[in-house]
C-alpha atoms as a PDB file:
ATOM      1  CA  MET A   1     -42.585 -32.791  14.964  1.00  0.00           C
ATOM      2  CA  ASP A   2     -42.940 -29.372  16.565  1.00  0.00           C
ATOM      3  CA  TRP A   3     -41.070 -26.130  17.087  1.00  0.00           C
ATOM      4  CA  SER A   4     -41.565 -22.572  18.351  1.00  0.00           C
ATOM      5  CA  ASP A   5     -40.242 -19.407  16.727  1.00  0.00           C
ATOM      6  CA  GLU A   6     -40.837 -15.735  15.982  1.00  0.00           C
ATOM      7  CA  GLY A   7     -42.557 -15.071  12.681  1.00  0.00           C
ATOM      8  CA  ILE A   8     -43.604 -12.190  10.436  1.00  0.00           C
ATOM      9  CA  VAL A   9     -46.880 -12.776   8.569  1.00  0.00           C
ATOM     10  CA  LEU A  10     -46.218 -12.642   4.810  1.00  0.00           C
ATOM     11  CA  SER A  11     -49.538 -13.967   3.526  1.00  0.00           C
ATOM     12  CA  ALA A  12     -52.764 -15.506   4.797  1.00  0.00           C
ATOM     13  CA  ARG A  13     -55.407 -17.066   2.565  1.00  0.00           C
ATOM     14  CA  PRO A  14     -58.732 -18.653   3.555  1.00  0.00           C
ATOM     15  CA  HIS A  15     -58.931 -22.431   3.632  1.00  0.00           C
ATOM     16  CA  GLY A  16     -62.076 -24.297   4.573  1.00  0.00           C
ATOM     17  CA  GLU A  17     -64.865 -22.758   6.598  1.00  0.00           C
ATOM     18  CA  SER A  18     -62.781 -20.597   8.948  1.00  0.00           C
ATOM     19  CA  GLY A  19     -59.175 -21.692   8.582  1.00  0.00           C
ATOM     20  CA  LEU A  20     -56.202 -19.899   7.074  1.00  0.00           C
ATOM     21  CA  ILE A  21     -53.070 -21.052   5.315  1.00  0.00           C
ATOM     22  CA  VAL A  22     -50.434 -18.655   6.601  1.00  0.00           C
ATOM     23  CA  SER A  23     -46.928 -18.055   5.286  1.00  0.00           C
ATOM     24  CA  LEU A  24     -44.473 -16.690   7.833  1.00  0.00           C
ATOM     25  CA  LEU A  25     -40.922 -15.437   7.646  1.00  0.00           C
ATOM     26  CA  THR A  26     -39.494 -17.022  10.796  1.00  0.00           C
ATOM     27  CA  ARG A  27     -36.168 -16.273  12.409  1.00  0.00           C
ATOM     28  CA  THR A  28     -34.763 -19.814  12.439  1.00  0.00           C
ATOM     29  CA  HIS A  29     -36.995 -21.794  10.056  1.00  0.00           C
ATOM     30  CA  GLY A  30     -37.112 -19.377   7.110  1.00  0.00           C
ATOM     31  CA  ARG A  31     -40.253 -18.881   5.050  1.00  0.00           C
ATOM     32  CA  HIS A  32     -42.611 -21.518   6.354  1.00  0.00           C
ATOM     33  CA  ALA A  33     -46.309 -22.171   5.727  1.00  0.00           C
ATOM     34  CA  GLY A  34     -48.837 -23.731   8.060  1.00  0.00           C
ATOM     35  CA  PHE A  35     -52.574 -24.125   8.619  1.00  0.00           C
ATOM     36  CA  VAL A  36     -54.302 -22.087  11.319  1.00  0.00           C
ATOM     37  CA  PRO A  37     -57.571 -23.727  12.395  1.00  0.00           C
ATOM     38  CA  GLY A  38     -60.105 -20.974  13.036  1.00  0.00           C
ATOM     39  CA  GLY A  39     -57.602 -18.322  11.947  1.00  0.00           C
ATOM     40  CA  GLY A  40     -60.217 -16.525   9.879  1.00  0.00           C
ATOM     41  CA  SER A  41     -62.603 -16.032  12.796  1.00  0.00           C
ATOM     42  CA  ARG A  42     -63.402 -12.561  14.084  1.00  0.00           C
ATOM     43  CA  ARG A  43     -61.394 -13.187  17.236  1.00  0.00           C
ATOM     44  CA  ALA A  44     -58.305 -14.712  15.598  1.00  0.00           C
ATOM     45  CA  SER A  45     -58.024 -12.915  12.244  1.00  0.00           C
ATOM     46  CA  PRO A  46     -56.384  -9.725  13.662  1.00  0.00           C
ATOM     47  CA  VAL A  47     -53.407 -11.850  14.703  1.00  0.00           C
ATOM     48  CA  TRP A  48     -52.698 -13.044  11.153  1.00  0.00           C
ATOM     49  CA  GLN A  49     -52.637  -9.709   9.302  1.00  0.00           C
ATOM     50  CA  LEU A  50     -49.740  -8.925   6.944  1.00  0.00           C
ATOM     51  CA  GLY A  51     -46.646  -7.634   8.704  1.00  0.00           C
ATOM     52  CA  ASN A  52     -47.644  -8.649  12.214  1.00  0.00           C
ATOM     53  CA  VAL A  53     -44.959 -10.254  14.350  1.00  0.00           C
ATOM     54  CA  VAL A  54     -46.240 -13.361  16.126  1.00  0.00           C
ATOM     55  CA  GLU A  55     -44.884 -15.870  18.591  1.00  0.00           C
ATOM     56  CA  VAL A  56     -45.742 -19.076  16.809  1.00  0.00           C
ATOM     57  CA  GLY A  57     -45.794 -22.805  17.399  1.00  0.00           C
ATOM     58  CA  TRP A  58     -45.833 -25.341  14.544  1.00  0.00           C
ATOM     59  CA  ARG A  59     -46.759 -29.008  14.805  1.00  0.00           C
ATOM     60  CA  ALA A  60     -47.071 -31.841  12.286  1.00  0.00           C
ATOM     61  CA  ARG A  61     -46.831 -35.609  12.333  1.00  0.00           C
ATOM     62  CA  LEU A  62     -44.088 -35.555   9.660  1.00  0.00           C
ATOM     63  CA  SER A  63     -41.591 -32.799   8.875  1.00  0.00           C
ATOM     64  CA  ASP A  64     -42.644 -32.487   5.218  1.00  0.00           C
ATOM     65  CA  GLN A  65     -46.335 -31.935   6.012  1.00  0.00           C
ATOM     66  CA  LEU A  66     -48.034 -28.521   5.999  1.00  0.00           C
ATOM     67  CA  GLY A  67     -48.640 -28.730   9.735  1.00  0.00           C
ATOM     68  CA  ASN A  68     -50.676 -26.505  12.036  1.00  0.00           C
ATOM     69  CA  TYR A  69     -49.806 -23.128  13.502  1.00  0.00           C
ATOM     70  CA  THR A  70     -50.811 -21.605  16.792  1.00  0.00           C
ATOM     71  CA  GLY A  71     -49.720 -18.075  17.532  1.00  0.00           C
ATOM     72  CA  GLU A  72     -49.891 -15.016  19.761  1.00  0.00           C
ATOM     73  CA  LEU A  73     -49.610 -11.460  18.517  1.00  0.00           C
ATOM     74  CA  ARG A  74     -46.440  -9.640  19.578  1.00  0.00           C
ATOM     75  CA  GLU A  75     -46.250  -6.547  17.316  1.00  0.00           C
ATOM     76  CA  PRO A  76     -49.381  -5.292  15.470  1.00  0.00           C
ATOM     77  CA  HIS A  77     -47.707  -3.558  12.532  1.00  0.00           C
ATOM     78  CA  ALA A  78     -50.703  -4.073  10.237  1.00  0.00           C
ATOM     79  CA  ALA A  79     -52.920  -1.928  12.471  1.00  0.00           C
ATOM     80  CA  ARG A  80     -50.268   0.796  12.654  1.00  0.00           C
ATOM     81  CA  ALA A  81     -50.153   1.092   8.857  1.00  0.00           C
ATOM     82  CA  LEU A  82     -53.915   1.226   8.259  1.00  0.00           C
ATOM     83  CA  ASP A  83     -54.180   5.018   8.414  1.00  0.00           C
ATOM     84  CA  ASP A  84     -51.512   5.687   5.768  1.00  0.00           C
ATOM     85  CA  ALA A  85     -52.086   4.421   2.215  1.00  0.00           C
ATOM     86  CA  ALA A  86     -48.398   4.535   1.265  1.00  0.00           C
ATOM     87  CA  GLU A  87     -47.283   2.665   4.385  1.00  0.00           C
ATOM     88  CA  LEU A  88     -49.971   0.024   3.894  1.00  0.00           C
ATOM     89  CA  ALA A  89     -48.943  -0.380   0.238  1.00  0.00           C
ATOM     90  CA  GLY A  90     -45.268  -0.616   1.214  1.00  0.00           C
ATOM     91  CA  LEU A  91     -46.015  -3.198   3.886  1.00  0.00           C
ATOM     92  CA  SER A  92     -48.049  -5.274   1.417  1.00  0.00           C
ATOM     93  CA  ALA A  93     -45.285  -5.031  -1.192  1.00  0.00           C
ATOM     94  CA  ALA A  94     -42.555  -6.095   1.235  1.00  0.00           C
ATOM     95  CA  CYS A  95     -44.588  -9.102   2.357  1.00  0.00           C
ATOM     96  CA  ALA A  96     -45.474 -10.130  -1.209  1.00  0.00           C
ATOM     97  CA  VAL A  97     -41.902  -9.832  -2.523  1.00  0.00           C
ATOM     98  CA  ALA A  98     -40.408 -11.799   0.371  1.00  0.00           C
ATOM     99  CA  ASP A  99     -43.125 -14.452   0.176  1.00  0.00           C
ATOM    100  CA  ALA A 100     -42.588 -14.950  -3.564  1.00  0.00           C
ATOM    101  CA  ALA A 101     -38.782 -14.734  -3.583  1.00  0.00           C
ATOM    102  CA  LEU A 102     -37.519 -16.607  -0.537  1.00  0.00           C
ATOM    103  CA  PRO A 103     -37.116 -20.381  -0.811  1.00  0.00           C
ATOM    104  CA  GLU A 104     -39.365 -22.353   1.516  1.00  0.00           C
ATOM    105  CA  ARG A 105     -37.981 -23.635   4.828  1.00  0.00           C
ATOM    106  CA  GLU A 106     -34.497 -22.217   4.252  1.00  0.00           C
ATOM    107  CA  PRO A 107     -33.247 -20.099   7.179  1.00  0.00           C
ATOM    108  CA  HIS A 108     -32.381 -16.474   6.401  1.00  0.00           C
ATOM    109  CA  PRO A 109     -31.950 -14.816   9.816  1.00  0.00           C
ATOM    110  CA  ALA A 110     -30.405 -11.680   8.290  1.00  0.00           C
ATOM    111  CA  MET A 111     -33.510 -11.241   6.148  1.00  0.00           C
ATOM    112  CA  PHE A 112     -35.709 -11.664   9.206  1.00  0.00           C
ATOM    113  CA  ASP A 113     -33.755  -8.979  11.064  1.00  0.00           C
ATOM    114  CA  GLY A 114     -33.845  -6.656   8.045  1.00  0.00           C
ATOM    115  CA  PHE A 115     -37.588  -7.089   7.679  1.00  0.00           C
ATOM    116  CA  ARG A 116     -38.067  -6.387  11.372  1.00  0.00           C
ATOM    117  CA  ALA A 117     -36.040  -3.181  10.985  1.00  0.00           C
ATOM    118  CA  PHE A 118     -38.285  -2.148   8.088  1.00  0.00           C
ATOM    119  CA  LEU A 119     -41.380  -2.785  10.198  1.00  0.00           C
ATOM    120  CA  GLY A 120     -39.915  -0.664  12.977  1.00  0.00           C
ATOM    121  CA  ALA A 121     -39.289   2.188  10.519  1.00  0.00           C
ATOM    122  CA  LEU A 122     -42.925   2.434   9.416  1.00  0.00           C
ATOM    123  CA  GLY A 123     -44.414   5.682  10.598  1.00  0.00           C
ATOM    124  CA  HIS A 124     -41.044   7.448  10.662  1.00  0.00           C
ATOM    125  CA  PRO A 125     -39.517   9.706   7.986  1.00  0.00           C
ATOM    126  CA  GLY A 126     -37.424   7.816   5.482  1.00  0.00           C
ATOM    127  CA  TRP A 127     -39.168   4.459   5.811  1.00  0.00           C
ATOM    128  CA  PRO A 128     -39.391   4.079   1.971  1.00  0.00           C
ATOM    129  CA  ALA A 129     -35.572   4.188   1.832  1.00  0.00           C
ATOM    130  CA  ILE A 130     -35.503   1.311   4.334  1.00  0.00           C
ATOM    131  CA  TYR A 131     -37.830  -0.557   1.987  1.00  0.00           C
ATOM    132  CA  VAL A 132     -35.309  -0.149  -0.856  1.00  0.00           C
ATOM    133  CA  ARG A 133     -32.522  -1.409   1.405  1.00  0.00           C
ATOM    134  CA  LEU A 134     -34.720  -4.359   2.380  1.00  0.00           C
ATOM    135  CA  GLU A 135     -34.859  -5.365  -1.287  1.00  0.00           C
ATOM    136  CA  LEU A 136     -31.088  -4.921  -1.567  1.00  0.00           C
ATOM    137  CA  GLY A 137     -30.742  -7.222   1.416  1.00  0.00           C
ATOM    138  CA  LEU A 138     -33.044  -9.762  -0.195  1.00  0.00           C
ATOM    139  CA  LEU A 139     -30.874  -9.792  -3.319  1.00  0.00           C
ATOM    140  CA  GLN A 140     -27.816 -10.268  -1.112  1.00  0.00           C
ATOM    141  CA  GLU A 141     -29.414 -13.167   0.755  1.00  0.00           C
ATOM    142  CA  LEU A 142     -30.317 -14.893  -2.516  1.00  0.00           C
ATOM    143  CA  GLY A 143     -26.772 -14.587  -3.877  1.00  0.00           C
ATOM    144  CA  PHE A 144     -27.291 -11.602  -6.183  1.00  0.00           C
ATOM    145  CA  GLY A 145     -25.911  -8.797  -4.049  1.00  0.00           C
ATOM    146  CA  LEU A 146     -25.000  -5.486  -5.680  1.00  0.00           C
ATOM    147  CA  ASP A 147     -21.605  -3.836  -5.174  1.00  0.00           C
ATOM    148  CA  LEU A 148     -22.400  -0.152  -4.770  1.00  0.00           C
ATOM    149  CA  GLU A 149     -19.352   0.960  -2.783  1.00  0.00           C
ATOM    150  CA  LYS A 150     -16.726   1.486  -5.503  1.00  0.00           C
ATOM    151  CA  CYS A 151     -16.418   1.875  -9.257  1.00  0.00           C
ATOM    152  CA  ALA A 152     -16.018  -1.418 -11.102  1.00  0.00           C
ATOM    153  CA  ALA A 153     -13.700   0.227 -13.666  1.00  0.00           C
ATOM    154  CA  THR A 154     -11.467   2.475 -11.539  1.00  0.00           C
ATOM    155  CA  GLY A 155     -11.990   1.490  -7.904  1.00  0.00           C
ATOM    156  CA  ALA A 156     -13.049   5.066  -7.092  1.00  0.00           C
ATOM    157  CA  THR A 157     -15.471   5.525  -4.226  1.00  0.00           C
ATOM    158  CA  GLU A 158     -16.707   9.007  -5.153  1.00  0.00           C
ATOM    159  CA  ASP A 159     -19.199  10.281  -7.752  1.00  0.00           C
ATOM    160  CA  LEU A 160     -20.752   6.849  -8.255  1.00  0.00           C
ATOM    161  CA  ALA A 161     -23.687   7.441 -10.569  1.00  0.00           C
ATOM    162  CA  TYR A 162     -24.470   4.213 -12.415  1.00  0.00           C
ATOM    163  CA  VAL A 163     -24.747   0.443 -12.031  1.00  0.00           C
ATOM    164  CA  SER A 164     -23.861  -2.159 -14.633  1.00  0.00           C
ATOM    165  CA  PRO A 165     -26.998  -4.155 -15.519  1.00  0.00           C
ATOM    166  CA  LYS A 166     -24.801  -7.187 -16.196  1.00  0.00           C
ATOM    167  CA  THR A 167     -22.612  -7.286 -13.086  1.00  0.00           C
ATOM    168  CA  GLY A 168     -24.557  -5.246 -10.522  1.00  0.00           C
ATOM    169  CA  ARG A 169     -21.427  -3.186  -9.784  1.00  0.00           C
ATOM    170  CA  ALA A 170     -21.275   0.586  -9.441  1.00  0.00           C
ATOM    171  CA  VAL A 171     -19.677   2.793 -12.109  1.00  0.00           C
ATOM    172  CA  SER A 172     -18.462   6.357 -11.566  1.00  0.00           C
ATOM    173  CA  ARG A 173     -19.721   9.210 -13.711  1.00  0.00           C
ATOM    174  CA  MET A 174     -16.293   9.680 -15.295  1.00  0.00           C
ATOM    175  CA  ALA A 175     -15.773   5.987 -16.076  1.00  0.00           C
ATOM    176  CA  ALA A 176     -19.234   5.627 -17.601  1.00  0.00           C
ATOM    177  CA  GLY A 177     -18.342   7.927 -20.498  1.00  0.00           C
ATOM    178  CA  PRO A 178     -20.182   7.032 -23.695  1.00  0.00           C
ATOM    179  CA  TYR A 179     -21.656   3.875 -22.137  1.00  0.00           C
ATOM    180  CA  LYS A 180     -23.858   5.667 -19.608  1.00  0.00           C
ATOM    181  CA  GLU A 181     -26.998   5.184 -21.712  1.00  0.00           C
ATOM    182  CA  LYS A 182     -26.611   1.429 -21.261  1.00  0.00           C
ATOM    183  CA  LEU A 183     -26.201   1.658 -17.491  1.00  0.00           C
ATOM    184  CA  LEU A 184     -28.736   1.886 -14.679  1.00  0.00           C
ATOM    185  CA  ALA A 185     -28.953   5.056 -12.597  1.00  0.00           C
ATOM    186  CA  LEU A 186     -27.577   4.815  -9.056  1.00  0.00           C
ATOM    187  CA  PRO A 187     -29.282   7.227  -6.632  1.00  0.00           C
ATOM    188  CA  GLY A 188     -26.824   8.817  -4.237  1.00  0.00           C
ATOM    189  CA  PHE A 189     -28.492   7.608  -1.047  1.00  0.00           C
ATOM    190  CA  LEU A 190     -27.647   3.994  -1.913  1.00  0.00           C
ATOM    191  CA  SER A 191     -23.932   4.635  -2.305  1.00  0.00           C
ATOM    192  CA  THR A 192     -23.363   7.261   0.372  1.00  0.00           C
ATOM    193  CA  GLY A 193     -26.019   6.357   2.938  1.00  0.00           C
ATOM    194  CA  GLY A 194     -28.682   8.634   4.317  1.00  0.00           C
ATOM    195  CA  LEU A 195     -32.086   9.356   2.819  1.00  0.00           C
ATOM    196  CA  PRO A 196     -33.120  10.122  -0.771  1.00  0.00           C
ATOM    197  CA  GLY A 197     -33.043  13.802  -1.596  1.00  0.00           C
ATOM    198  CA  ASP A 198     -36.404  13.721  -3.371  1.00  0.00           C
ATOM    199  CA  ASP A 199     -39.080  11.413  -4.754  1.00  0.00           C
ATOM    200  CA  GLU A 200     -37.111  10.919  -7.968  1.00  0.00           C
ATOM    201  CA  GLN A 201     -34.162   9.505  -6.024  1.00  0.00           C
ATOM    202  CA  LEU A 202     -36.503   7.085  -4.285  1.00  0.00           C
ATOM    203  CA  ARG A 203     -38.045   6.010  -7.590  1.00  0.00           C
ATOM    204  CA  LEU A 204     -34.583   5.369  -9.043  1.00  0.00           C
ATOM    205  CA  GLY A 205     -33.771   3.183  -6.047  1.00  0.00           C
ATOM    206  CA  LEU A 206     -36.926   1.134  -6.541  1.00  0.00           C
ATOM    207  CA  ASP A 207     -36.255   0.867 -10.288  1.00  0.00           C
ATOM    208  CA  LEU A 208     -32.746  -0.423  -9.535  1.00  0.00           C
ATOM    209  CA  THR A 209     -33.750  -3.123  -7.073  1.00  0.00           C
ATOM    210  CA  GLY A 210     -36.763  -4.016  -9.197  1.00  0.00           C
ATOM    211  CA  TYR A 211     -34.569  -4.588 -12.248  1.00  0.00           C
ATOM    212  CA  PHE A 212     -32.322  -7.088 -10.473  1.00  0.00           C
ATOM    213  CA  LEU A 213     -35.209  -8.807  -8.696  1.00  0.00           C
ATOM    214  CA  GLU A 214     -36.905  -9.318 -12.042  1.00  0.00           C
ATOM    215  CA  ARG A 215     -33.755 -10.460 -13.811  1.00  0.00           C
ATOM    216  CA  HIS A 216     -32.321 -12.824 -11.196  1.00  0.00           C
ATOM    217  CA  VAL A 217     -35.199 -13.888  -8.970  1.00  0.00           C
ATOM    218  CA  PHE A 218     -38.502 -13.798 -10.840  1.00  0.00           C
ATOM    219  CA  TRP A 219     -37.829 -14.106 -14.585  1.00  0.00           C
ATOM    220  CA  PRO A 220     -35.871 -17.390 -14.238  1.00  0.00           C
ATOM    221  CA  HIS A 221     -39.058 -18.885 -12.762  1.00  0.00           C
ATOM    222  CA  ASN A 222     -41.331 -17.259 -15.366  1.00  0.00           C
ATOM    223  CA  LYS A 223     -42.910 -15.048 -12.716  1.00  0.00           C
ATOM    224  CA  PRO A 224     -43.433 -11.276 -12.730  1.00  0.00           C
ATOM    225  CA  LEU A 225     -42.751  -9.015  -9.799  1.00  0.00           C
ATOM    226  CA  PRO A 226     -45.709  -9.270  -7.395  1.00  0.00           C
ATOM    227  CA  PRO A 227     -48.543  -6.869  -8.301  1.00  0.00           C
ATOM    228  CA  ALA A 228     -48.417  -5.470  -4.757  1.00  0.00           C
ATOM    229  CA  ARG A 229     -45.028  -3.954  -5.572  1.00  0.00           C
ATOM    230  CA  SER A 230     -46.388  -2.151  -8.647  1.00  0.00           C
ATOM    231  CA  ARG A 231     -49.267  -0.811  -6.561  1.00  0.00           C
ATOM    232  CA  PHE A 232     -46.759   0.464  -4.010  1.00  0.00           C
ATOM    233  CA  MET A 233     -44.854   2.410  -6.666  1.00  0.00           C
ATOM    234  CA  GLU A 234     -48.109   3.838  -8.006  1.00  0.00           C
ATOM    235  CA  THR A 235     -49.090   4.950  -4.513  1.00  0.00           C
ATOM    236  CA  LEU A 236     -45.769   6.754  -4.045  1.00  0.00           C
ATOM    237  CA  GLN A 237     -46.227   8.624  -7.331  1.00  0.00           C
ATOM    238  CA  ARG A 238     -49.631  10.061  -6.401  1.00  0.00           C
END
């Protein structure tokens, strides 16, 4: 059994004397793990850093085995993020969330493309907003997409200010009325497009996606949100 694909490195942990067990988000084979003989060596380890895009080959005797990876570096995003603590934290959070949330060996090409767009945004203004949209896309891919385009109560498309924690649907300021204390805040940049107006808008976006990731993706499996995501939020607040 063997195949070739593009992959984004989500995690890499030492195994044996110099090997690595690497988890990749691949375009056509989904989140897929494999063993990299010698991947931890000084020469090979730069290839398998979080967020790097690699051209990868996988081979195993049987399809359900871990198998071995070989790979060549195509886009060194890890090196690009090293000089910025927030970007490095965001990259680590994106990799950790995707690695923990996506089912193994289930293709999600839209998630691959969204992650690649996030990687391309690093180093440019507004990249944290792309991170929030990456988490929205992850929820969508897993069947828990949010409806942030119109009010669940009135159908209005303007002045959307809240989200129902039960349905994940937007609610306008007028329709929220006395129930607004029970609703989640919806930052404007998620309903109208564009970038967050300030750091508070960004934090509200992360709180929103984090709530639904916890409720629908992690809590049902008795798992918390990955610690890397909490560290990312702490870095943004400094």
